Each structure stands twice: as structure tokens, then as C-alpha cells.
N, C-alpha and C. Protein backbone atom coordinates (compact mmCIF):
# COMPACT_ATOMS: atom_id res chain seq x y z
N MET A 1 71.47 145.63 72.11
CA MET A 1 72.65 145.00 72.66
C MET A 1 72.74 145.23 74.17
N ASN A 2 72.36 146.43 74.61
CA ASN A 2 72.42 146.71 76.04
C ASN A 2 71.43 145.86 76.82
N ALA A 3 70.28 145.57 76.22
CA ALA A 3 69.31 144.69 76.89
C ALA A 3 69.88 143.29 77.04
N LEU A 4 70.59 142.84 76.02
CA LEU A 4 71.23 141.52 76.09
C LEU A 4 72.26 141.48 77.21
N LYS A 5 73.01 142.56 77.37
CA LYS A 5 74.00 142.64 78.45
C LYS A 5 73.32 142.55 79.81
N LYS A 6 72.17 143.21 79.96
CA LYS A 6 71.45 143.15 81.24
C LYS A 6 70.95 141.73 81.52
N TYR A 7 70.37 141.09 80.50
CA TYR A 7 69.87 139.72 80.69
C TYR A 7 71.01 138.77 81.04
N LEU A 8 72.12 138.92 80.35
CA LEU A 8 73.26 138.07 80.65
C LEU A 8 73.84 138.38 82.04
N GLY A 9 73.74 139.62 82.48
CA GLY A 9 74.16 139.96 83.84
C GLY A 9 73.35 139.18 84.87
N ILE A 10 72.05 139.08 84.64
CA ILE A 10 71.20 138.29 85.54
C ILE A 10 71.61 136.82 85.49
N VAL A 11 71.89 136.33 84.28
CA VAL A 11 72.31 134.93 84.14
C VAL A 11 73.60 134.68 84.91
N TRP A 12 74.58 135.58 84.79
CA TRP A 12 75.86 135.38 85.49
C TRP A 12 75.66 135.42 87.01
N ILE A 13 74.82 136.33 87.47
CA ILE A 13 74.58 136.44 88.91
C ILE A 13 73.93 135.16 89.44
N LEU A 14 73.02 134.59 88.70
CA LEU A 14 72.35 133.36 89.14
C LEU A 14 73.23 132.13 88.93
N LEU A 15 74.04 132.15 87.91
CA LEU A 15 74.88 130.99 87.59
C LEU A 15 76.02 130.81 88.59
N SER A 16 76.56 131.89 89.08
CA SER A 16 77.72 131.81 89.97
C SER A 16 77.45 131.02 91.26
N PRO A 17 76.41 131.34 92.04
CA PRO A 17 76.16 130.54 93.24
C PRO A 17 75.76 129.09 92.91
N SER A 18 75.14 128.92 91.75
CA SER A 18 74.77 127.57 91.32
C SER A 18 76.01 126.72 91.08
N ILE A 19 77.00 127.30 90.45
CA ILE A 19 78.25 126.58 90.20
C ILE A 19 78.95 126.25 91.51
N VAL A 20 78.99 127.20 92.43
CA VAL A 20 79.62 126.96 93.73
C VAL A 20 78.90 125.84 94.47
N GLY A 21 77.58 125.89 94.49
CA GLY A 21 76.82 124.83 95.16
C GLY A 21 77.05 123.47 94.52
N PHE A 22 77.08 123.43 93.19
CA PHE A 22 77.32 122.17 92.49
C PHE A 22 78.71 121.63 92.80
N LEU A 23 79.71 122.50 92.83
CA LEU A 23 81.07 122.05 93.13
C LEU A 23 81.17 121.51 94.56
N ILE A 24 80.55 122.19 95.51
CA ILE A 24 80.58 121.70 96.89
C ILE A 24 79.86 120.37 97.00
N TRP A 25 78.73 120.24 96.31
CA TRP A 25 77.98 118.99 96.33
C TRP A 25 78.80 117.84 95.73
N GLN A 26 79.45 118.11 94.60
CA GLN A 26 80.28 117.09 93.97
C GLN A 26 81.48 116.73 94.84
N ALA A 27 82.09 117.73 95.46
CA ALA A 27 83.24 117.46 96.33
C ALA A 27 82.83 116.57 97.51
N ALA A 28 81.72 116.90 98.13
CA ALA A 28 81.26 116.09 99.27
C ALA A 28 80.93 114.67 98.82
N ASP A 29 80.32 114.54 97.65
CA ASP A 29 79.96 113.23 97.13
C ASP A 29 81.21 112.40 96.83
N LYS A 30 82.16 112.98 96.12
CA LYS A 30 83.37 112.25 95.73
C LYS A 30 84.25 111.92 96.93
N ILE A 31 84.36 112.85 97.88
CA ILE A 31 85.17 112.58 99.07
C ILE A 31 84.50 111.51 99.93
N GLY A 32 83.18 111.56 100.00
CA GLY A 32 82.45 110.57 100.78
C GLY A 32 82.56 109.16 100.21
N LYS A 33 82.64 109.05 98.88
CA LYS A 33 82.72 107.74 98.23
C LYS A 33 84.15 107.20 98.15
N ALA A 34 85.14 108.02 98.47
CA ALA A 34 86.53 107.59 98.37
C ALA A 34 86.84 106.56 99.46
N THR A 35 87.70 105.64 99.11
CA THR A 35 88.13 104.64 100.09
C THR A 35 89.17 105.28 101.01
N GLU A 36 89.48 104.60 102.08
CA GLU A 36 90.45 105.13 103.04
C GLU A 36 91.81 105.32 102.39
N ALA A 37 92.15 104.47 101.44
CA ALA A 37 93.45 104.56 100.79
C ALA A 37 93.55 105.79 99.87
N THR A 38 92.44 106.20 99.30
CA THR A 38 92.47 107.32 98.35
C THR A 38 91.83 108.59 98.89
N LYS A 39 91.34 108.56 100.12
CA LYS A 39 90.61 109.72 100.66
C LYS A 39 91.48 110.98 100.71
N ALA A 40 92.75 110.84 101.09
CA ALA A 40 93.63 112.00 101.19
C ALA A 40 93.86 112.63 99.81
N ASN A 41 94.06 111.80 98.79
CA ASN A 41 94.29 112.33 97.44
C ASN A 41 93.05 113.00 96.89
N VAL A 42 91.89 112.39 97.08
CA VAL A 42 90.65 112.96 96.58
C VAL A 42 90.34 114.27 97.30
N THR A 43 90.57 114.31 98.59
CA THR A 43 90.36 115.54 99.36
C THR A 43 91.27 116.65 98.88
N LEU A 44 92.52 116.33 98.62
CA LEU A 44 93.47 117.32 98.12
C LEU A 44 93.05 117.83 96.74
N GLN A 45 92.63 116.93 95.86
CA GLN A 45 92.17 117.33 94.53
C GLN A 45 91.01 118.31 94.62
N TRP A 46 90.00 117.97 95.40
CA TRP A 46 88.82 118.82 95.48
C TRP A 46 89.10 120.13 96.21
N THR A 47 90.02 120.12 97.13
CA THR A 47 90.40 121.37 97.80
C THR A 47 91.03 122.32 96.78
N ILE A 48 91.90 121.80 95.95
CA ILE A 48 92.53 122.63 94.92
C ILE A 48 91.49 123.14 93.93
N ILE A 49 90.59 122.27 93.50
CA ILE A 49 89.53 122.67 92.56
C ILE A 49 88.68 123.79 93.16
N LEU A 50 88.28 123.65 94.41
CA LEU A 50 87.45 124.67 95.04
C LEU A 50 88.19 125.98 95.22
N ILE A 51 89.46 125.91 95.60
CA ILE A 51 90.26 127.13 95.77
C ILE A 51 90.40 127.88 94.45
N ILE A 52 90.51 127.16 93.35
CA ILE A 52 90.65 127.81 92.05
C ILE A 52 89.32 128.39 91.57
N PHE A 53 88.22 127.66 91.74
CA PHE A 53 86.96 128.08 91.14
C PHE A 53 86.16 129.07 91.98
N PHE A 54 86.38 129.16 93.28
CA PHE A 54 85.65 130.15 94.08
C PHE A 54 85.93 131.58 93.62
N PRO A 55 87.19 131.99 93.45
CA PRO A 55 87.41 133.36 92.96
C PRO A 55 86.87 133.60 91.55
N ILE A 56 86.90 132.57 90.71
CA ILE A 56 86.34 132.71 89.37
C ILE A 56 84.84 132.98 89.46
N CYS A 57 84.16 132.26 90.32
CA CYS A 57 82.72 132.46 90.49
C CYS A 57 82.39 133.81 91.11
N ILE A 58 83.23 134.26 92.02
CA ILE A 58 83.03 135.59 92.61
C ILE A 58 83.19 136.66 91.52
N GLY A 59 84.21 136.50 90.67
CA GLY A 59 84.41 137.43 89.57
C GLY A 59 83.25 137.41 88.58
N LEU A 60 82.71 136.24 88.34
CA LEU A 60 81.55 136.11 87.46
C LEU A 60 80.35 136.85 88.04
N MET A 61 80.17 136.76 89.34
CA MET A 61 79.06 137.46 89.99
C MET A 61 79.27 138.98 89.94
N ILE A 62 80.48 139.43 90.16
CA ILE A 62 80.77 140.86 90.08
C ILE A 62 80.56 141.36 88.65
N PHE A 63 81.01 140.60 87.67
CA PHE A 63 80.81 140.96 86.28
C PHE A 63 79.32 141.07 85.95
N GLY A 64 78.54 140.14 86.44
CA GLY A 64 77.09 140.19 86.23
C GLY A 64 76.45 141.38 86.90
N TYR A 65 76.92 141.72 88.09
CA TYR A 65 76.39 142.89 88.80
C TYR A 65 76.64 144.17 88.00
N TYR A 66 77.85 144.34 87.50
CA TYR A 66 78.16 145.53 86.73
C TYR A 66 77.40 145.55 85.40
N ALA A 67 77.21 144.39 84.81
CA ALA A 67 76.42 144.34 83.56
C ALA A 67 74.97 144.72 83.85
N LEU A 68 74.45 144.32 84.99
CA LEU A 68 73.08 144.65 85.36
C LEU A 68 72.93 146.13 85.69
N LYS A 69 73.97 146.75 86.20
CA LYS A 69 73.93 148.16 86.59
C LYS A 69 74.37 149.10 85.46
N ASP A 70 74.41 148.61 84.23
CA ASP A 70 74.72 149.42 83.05
C ASP A 70 76.14 149.98 83.02
N ALA A 71 77.07 149.32 83.64
CA ALA A 71 78.45 149.80 83.62
C ALA A 71 79.10 149.60 82.26
N TYR A 72 78.55 148.71 81.44
CA TYR A 72 79.13 148.42 80.14
C TYR A 72 78.30 149.00 78.99
N ASP A 73 77.45 149.98 79.27
CA ASP A 73 76.62 150.57 78.22
C ASP A 73 77.46 151.32 77.18
N HIS A 74 78.42 152.07 77.65
CA HIS A 74 79.29 152.80 76.72
C HIS A 74 80.72 152.40 76.99
N LEU A 75 81.29 151.67 76.09
CA LEU A 75 82.69 151.29 76.21
C LEU A 75 83.53 152.27 75.40
N PRO A 76 84.69 152.68 75.92
CA PRO A 76 85.51 153.64 75.20
C PRO A 76 86.01 153.08 73.87
N GLU A 77 86.02 153.94 72.87
CA GLU A 77 86.51 153.53 71.55
C GLU A 77 87.97 153.87 71.36
N SER A 78 88.49 154.77 72.17
CA SER A 78 89.91 155.10 72.11
C SER A 78 90.39 155.41 73.52
N SER A 79 91.69 155.48 73.69
CA SER A 79 92.24 155.75 75.02
C SER A 79 91.97 157.19 75.46
N ALA A 80 91.63 158.08 74.54
CA ALA A 80 91.32 159.46 74.91
C ALA A 80 90.01 159.55 75.68
N GLU A 81 89.13 158.57 75.52
CA GLU A 81 87.84 158.58 76.22
C GLU A 81 87.94 158.04 77.64
N ILE A 82 89.05 157.46 78.01
CA ILE A 82 89.19 156.87 79.33
C ILE A 82 89.48 157.97 80.35
N THR A 83 88.67 158.01 81.39
CA THR A 83 88.87 159.00 82.45
C THR A 83 89.06 158.28 83.78
N ASP A 84 89.90 158.81 84.61
CA ASP A 84 90.10 158.26 85.95
C ASP A 84 89.17 158.95 86.90
N TYR A 85 88.59 158.17 87.79
CA TYR A 85 87.65 158.74 88.75
C TYR A 85 88.32 158.99 90.06
């Protein structure tokens, strides 16, 4: 199971920048194809989409980093095992 977590950590790390690049590419494509009458609305839509998904992708990358560094090898089974550092 721990090996699976490491492999998925690599997947998350690689997937996150790919998603960001795809979103930027799609935003540029859709905004570029918009007519003058709809350009403001399309730009606003894609700005909101990018603002929402950038932090999600950053969190996905951080999650993958910790999975790759074995931070999830031993998860606590009870609250007594939780220690503050």
C-alpha cells in the first residue's frame, strides 16, 4: 500500500502542472475565439475558473510531495497517537 501511495504521489505531482497548463491553454483559446460582444463575459468566466483551480492544483502538488516523502506511511489509529511537533 505504501508503494501505491508513492506512485500516486508522483502522479499527483505531474498531474498538477499539466492541469494548470491545460486550463491556461483553454482559457487563451476560448477568450481568443470570443466575439467582441461576449469577450468580457468569457474573460470573467475563465478568470474565475483559474482563480478557483490554481489553489486546488497547488494543494494537489503538495499532497503528492508529502505522499512521495512517506508522510502518510503511518496514519494514527486513535487521537492518542497524534503528537504536536
